[in-house]
Amino acid sequence: MEQNEEKLKEFRENHKTQFLASQYDALSVKLAEACSLIETEPEMAELAREEVSEIEAQLTIQFTEMDKIIESSKVEEAKPYGVVLEVRAGAGGDEAALFAEELAGMYIKYAENQGWQRSIPSVSASAGGGYKEASFEIISPKVYDALRYETGVHRVQRVPVTEKAGRTHTSTASVAVLPMRKKPTVEINPGDIELEFSRSGGAGGQNVNKVETAVRLVHTPTGVDVRCESERSQLKNREKAMTMLTAKLEMLHEEEEARKHAAVRKNQIGTGDRSEKIRTYNFPQNRITDHRIKESWYNVEQVMSGQLDAIIEAIHEAAAGDVIPGTTLEE
């Protein structure tokens, strides 16, 4: 009964179950009155016993219903409502940065095709063009399930525009898909966060470049840092940066937990080295190969324009059949 009392307190405090909890409490009062009649009014005892039985049945149904509502809410809170998509240039210099920008564009176009909300909290451009690294927010309850297997190192093989001899070059970029949840799975000590403000480097009117609205957060115990400059106010950038930082730390925590249960598990982002690839985009042969499921598609341009459905479906089918393990497979 003690456990029930703890849950009843939770039911009374939760706005989704407060009304049902008030009804439960009213029924409990009626139950106490009926039980009292059994002892004090012998001639009413039989009727009182029937009422007690009915009320107890109602209380059980009411309690079960409230419990289901709370559990359903917890499951909903644990589901990602969106993701932070990070793309970083790996091996390959300027060509890697250009490929990182094209990968980011591919996912943004895919999200646009799905009708998902998109924003760009932070972009660090490369001097030679493209992205050194960039972060994007994509908001939809469906996005994490769709893109969760895109995390890893992506490799491109093509002739760069600067290549005069016509030789094919190989470069890499890494992708990380970080789930954002309404209720974080990790606790962050505010004292562990360093906060920095600076002027935004992007376009956006007079306010953006004259006021220190850009926010950088550093989690000192892990060294994980994030930057947000997409909003016009410092407060909103701080809130977004905190969401991004939480997503990064949750991913770090999940990787540590997974390592406890697996002998070998590679970091999901990796180092950007060619050997840690999950997928190759071969432009001269018009071929994309996912090395985890050893399947290829011959439509590079279409995929880079955001038409990812066939690849995502194949990856999910393989994952459902336990073909994809928790590690990055080699070719």
Foldseek 3Di string as FASTA:
>chain_A
DVVLVVVLVVLCPDPVRVVLSVVLVVLVVVLVVLVVCLVPPVVCNVVSVVSNVVSVVVNVVSSVVSVVVVVVVVVQQPQFQWWKKKKAFFPDPPVSQQVSQLQVLLAVLLLVVVVWDKFWFDFDADPSGHGRMTIMITGHSCVCLLCVVVFWKEKEWAQDPPHPVRHIDITIMGMHIFGFGNDFPDDADPVQKDKDWAADPDDDDDQRRPDRQKIKIARNVVRDIDIGRGDSHNVVSVVVRVRNSSRVVSLVVVVVVVVVVDVDADDRRDRRDPQTHQWYCYVVQQWIAGVLVGDIDRHNPVSSSHPCVVVSVVVVVCVVVVSHDNHRDGD
